[in-house]
N, C-alpha and C. Protein backbone atom coordinates (compact mmCIF):
# COMPACT_ATOMS: atom_id res chain seq x y z
N MET A 1 -26.47 137.42 94.38
CA MET A 1 -25.18 137.23 93.77
C MET A 1 -24.62 135.88 94.10
N VAL A 2 -23.84 135.32 93.14
CA VAL A 2 -23.21 134.07 93.40
C VAL A 2 -21.69 134.25 93.47
N GLN A 3 -21.06 133.63 94.44
CA GLN A 3 -19.62 133.76 94.55
C GLN A 3 -18.94 132.82 93.59
N HIS A 4 -17.99 133.32 92.83
CA HIS A 4 -17.29 132.49 91.85
C HIS A 4 -15.86 132.98 91.66
N GLY A 5 -14.94 132.13 92.01
CA GLY A 5 -13.52 132.51 91.72
C GLY A 5 -13.03 133.80 92.33
N GLY A 6 -13.54 134.17 93.56
CA GLY A 6 -13.08 135.31 94.18
C GLY A 6 -13.82 136.60 93.84
N TYR A 7 -14.81 136.50 92.96
CA TYR A 7 -15.61 137.64 92.67
C TYR A 7 -17.10 137.29 92.58
N GLN A 8 -17.98 138.22 92.57
CA GLN A 8 -19.35 137.91 92.58
C GLN A 8 -19.92 138.13 91.16
N MET A 9 -20.86 137.28 90.77
CA MET A 9 -21.54 137.49 89.46
C MET A 9 -23.01 137.38 89.72
N SER A 10 -23.77 137.99 88.84
CA SER A 10 -25.20 137.97 89.06
C SER A 10 -25.76 136.58 88.80
N THR A 11 -26.82 136.26 89.48
CA THR A 11 -27.49 134.99 89.29
C THR A 11 -28.01 134.86 87.85
N ASN A 12 -28.48 135.99 87.25
CA ASN A 12 -28.94 135.91 85.87
C ASN A 12 -27.77 135.47 84.96
N TYR A 13 -26.60 135.97 85.15
CA TYR A 13 -25.46 135.57 84.41
C TYR A 13 -25.19 134.09 84.56
N GLN A 14 -25.16 133.62 85.79
CA GLN A 14 -24.89 132.14 86.07
C GLN A 14 -25.99 131.33 85.42
N LEU A 15 -27.20 131.72 85.45
CA LEU A 15 -28.27 130.97 84.85
C LEU A 15 -28.09 130.90 83.34
N ALA A 16 -27.64 131.98 82.73
CA ALA A 16 -27.35 132.01 81.30
C ALA A 16 -26.15 131.09 80.96
N ILE A 17 -25.16 131.13 81.80
CA ILE A 17 -23.99 130.22 81.57
C ILE A 17 -24.46 128.72 81.66
N ASP A 18 -25.33 128.47 82.66
CA ASP A 18 -25.88 127.05 82.78
C ASP A 18 -26.64 126.67 81.54
N ARG A 19 -27.42 127.55 80.98
CA ARG A 19 -28.16 127.29 79.74
C ARG A 19 -27.22 126.99 78.61
N LEU A 20 -26.17 127.88 78.48
CA LEU A 20 -25.17 127.73 77.42
C LEU A 20 -24.46 126.37 77.54
N ASN A 21 -24.06 126.03 78.75
CA ASN A 21 -23.37 124.72 78.97
C ASN A 21 -24.21 123.51 78.62
N LYS A 22 -25.53 123.61 78.72
CA LYS A 22 -26.42 122.50 78.47
C LYS A 22 -26.82 122.36 77.02
N THR A 23 -26.54 123.38 76.16
CA THR A 23 -26.99 123.41 74.79
C THR A 23 -25.77 122.91 73.94
N ASN A 24 -26.12 121.90 73.10
CA ASN A 24 -25.08 121.18 72.33
C ASN A 24 -25.25 121.16 70.83
N ASN A 25 -26.14 121.98 70.26
CA ASN A 25 -26.21 122.04 68.80
C ASN A 25 -26.33 123.49 68.38
N VAL A 26 -25.91 123.74 67.16
CA VAL A 26 -25.85 125.12 66.61
C VAL A 26 -27.15 125.77 66.61
N GLU A 27 -28.21 125.07 66.14
CA GLU A 27 -29.51 125.65 66.04
C GLU A 27 -29.98 126.18 67.38
N ASP A 28 -29.85 125.39 68.38
CA ASP A 28 -30.27 125.78 69.75
C ASP A 28 -29.35 126.97 70.29
N LEU A 29 -28.07 126.92 69.91
CA LEU A 29 -27.19 128.00 70.33
C LEU A 29 -27.54 129.36 69.69
N LEU A 30 -28.02 129.28 68.48
CA LEU A 30 -28.46 130.49 67.76
C LEU A 30 -29.72 131.07 68.40
N LYS A 31 -30.61 130.15 68.86
CA LYS A 31 -31.79 130.64 69.60
C LYS A 31 -31.41 131.25 70.91
N LEU A 32 -30.43 130.61 71.52
CA LEU A 32 -29.93 131.13 72.82
C LEU A 32 -29.28 132.53 72.60
N GLU A 33 -28.61 132.74 71.51
CA GLU A 33 -28.00 134.01 71.23
C GLU A 33 -29.08 135.13 71.16
N LYS A 34 -30.24 134.80 70.53
CA LYS A 34 -31.31 135.75 70.52
C LYS A 34 -31.88 136.03 71.92
N SER A 35 -32.00 134.97 72.68
CA SER A 35 -32.47 135.10 74.03
C SER A 35 -31.53 136.01 74.90
N PHE A 36 -30.25 135.74 74.76
CA PHE A 36 -29.28 136.67 75.47
C PHE A 36 -29.44 138.10 75.02
N ALA A 37 -29.63 138.36 73.72
CA ALA A 37 -29.76 139.70 73.21
C ALA A 37 -31.00 140.34 73.82
N ASN A 38 -32.07 139.57 73.94
CA ASN A 38 -33.31 140.06 74.52
C ASN A 38 -33.14 140.41 75.98
N LEU A 39 -32.36 139.55 76.70
CA LEU A 39 -32.15 139.83 78.10
C LEU A 39 -31.30 141.08 78.29
N TYR A 40 -30.32 141.32 77.37
CA TYR A 40 -29.54 142.54 77.44
C TYR A 40 -30.41 143.73 77.17
N SER A 41 -31.22 143.65 76.09
CA SER A 41 -32.12 144.76 75.75
C SER A 41 -33.07 145.12 76.89
N ALA A 42 -33.50 144.08 77.66
CA ALA A 42 -34.44 144.33 78.74
C ALA A 42 -33.69 144.77 80.01
N GLY A 43 -32.38 144.84 80.00
CA GLY A 43 -31.61 145.30 81.13
C GLY A 43 -31.34 144.23 82.17
N VAL A 44 -31.62 142.99 81.83
CA VAL A 44 -31.37 141.88 82.73
C VAL A 44 -29.96 141.56 82.86
N LEU A 45 -29.23 141.65 81.67
CA LEU A 45 -27.73 141.47 81.66
C LEU A 45 -27.11 142.79 81.36
N ASN A 46 -25.94 142.98 81.99
CA ASN A 46 -25.21 144.21 81.66
C ASN A 46 -24.29 143.91 80.47
N MET A 47 -23.69 145.00 79.92
CA MET A 47 -22.86 144.88 78.71
C MET A 47 -21.76 143.88 78.90
N ASN A 48 -21.05 143.96 80.07
CA ASN A 48 -19.93 143.08 80.32
C ASN A 48 -20.37 141.57 80.26
N ASN A 49 -21.41 141.26 80.94
CA ASN A 49 -21.93 139.88 80.99
C ASN A 49 -22.40 139.41 79.64
N PHE A 50 -23.08 140.35 78.93
CA PHE A 50 -23.58 139.97 77.58
C PHE A 50 -22.45 139.70 76.66
N LEU A 51 -21.35 140.47 76.68
CA LEU A 51 -20.26 140.24 75.80
C LEU A 51 -19.51 138.94 76.18
N ARG A 52 -19.39 138.70 77.47
CA ARG A 52 -18.75 137.41 77.92
C ARG A 52 -19.56 136.28 77.44
N LEU A 53 -20.89 136.28 77.54
CA LEU A 53 -21.75 135.20 77.10
C LEU A 53 -21.62 135.09 75.52
N ASP A 54 -21.61 136.14 74.89
CA ASP A 54 -21.47 136.09 73.37
C ASP A 54 -20.15 135.43 72.97
N GLU A 55 -19.11 135.72 73.67
CA GLU A 55 -17.79 135.13 73.36
C GLU A 55 -17.86 133.65 73.60
N LYS A 56 -18.42 133.27 74.74
CA LYS A 56 -18.54 131.80 75.04
C LYS A 56 -19.39 131.08 74.00
N LEU A 57 -20.46 131.73 73.63
CA LEU A 57 -21.34 131.16 72.65
C LEU A 57 -20.70 130.95 71.33
N CYS A 58 -19.99 131.97 70.87
CA CYS A 58 -19.24 131.87 69.59
C CYS A 58 -18.19 130.75 69.63
N GLU A 59 -17.50 130.67 70.72
CA GLU A 59 -16.49 129.63 70.89
C GLU A 59 -17.16 128.24 70.81
N LYS A 60 -18.26 128.11 71.45
CA LYS A 60 -18.97 126.81 71.43
C LYS A 60 -19.48 126.44 70.07
N ILE A 61 -20.05 127.41 69.30
CA ILE A 61 -20.46 127.21 67.95
C ILE A 61 -19.23 126.78 67.12
N SER A 62 -18.13 127.44 67.25
CA SER A 62 -16.97 127.17 66.48
C SER A 62 -16.48 125.74 66.79
N ASP A 63 -16.48 125.36 68.04
CA ASP A 63 -16.08 123.98 68.41
C ASP A 63 -16.97 122.96 67.79
N ILE A 64 -18.26 123.20 67.85
CA ILE A 64 -19.21 122.24 67.23
C ILE A 64 -18.99 122.07 65.77
N LYS A 65 -18.84 123.18 65.07
CA LYS A 65 -18.65 123.14 63.65
C LYS A 65 -17.32 122.49 63.28
N GLU A 66 -16.35 122.67 64.13
CA GLU A 66 -15.04 122.03 63.89
C GLU A 66 -15.14 120.52 63.93
N TRP A 67 -16.02 120.00 64.82
CA TRP A 67 -16.09 118.59 64.97
C TRP A 67 -17.15 117.93 64.11
N THR A 68 -17.92 118.68 63.31
CA THR A 68 -18.95 118.09 62.46
C THR A 68 -18.55 118.17 61.03
């Protein structure tokens, strides 16, 4: 577990956040979305973390489309 802001989060979640933060185009973000869904289906991510990642991913896609 990784300590973050007074609570602990899974290392898998933090690694997913890191991948999301490094991705800067819509095509790669859509691939990442599929990857997150696969991780959730495999039980690597729980529902809460999956939904948080999905929200961040959607926001990032929206921001990119807004600026292009």
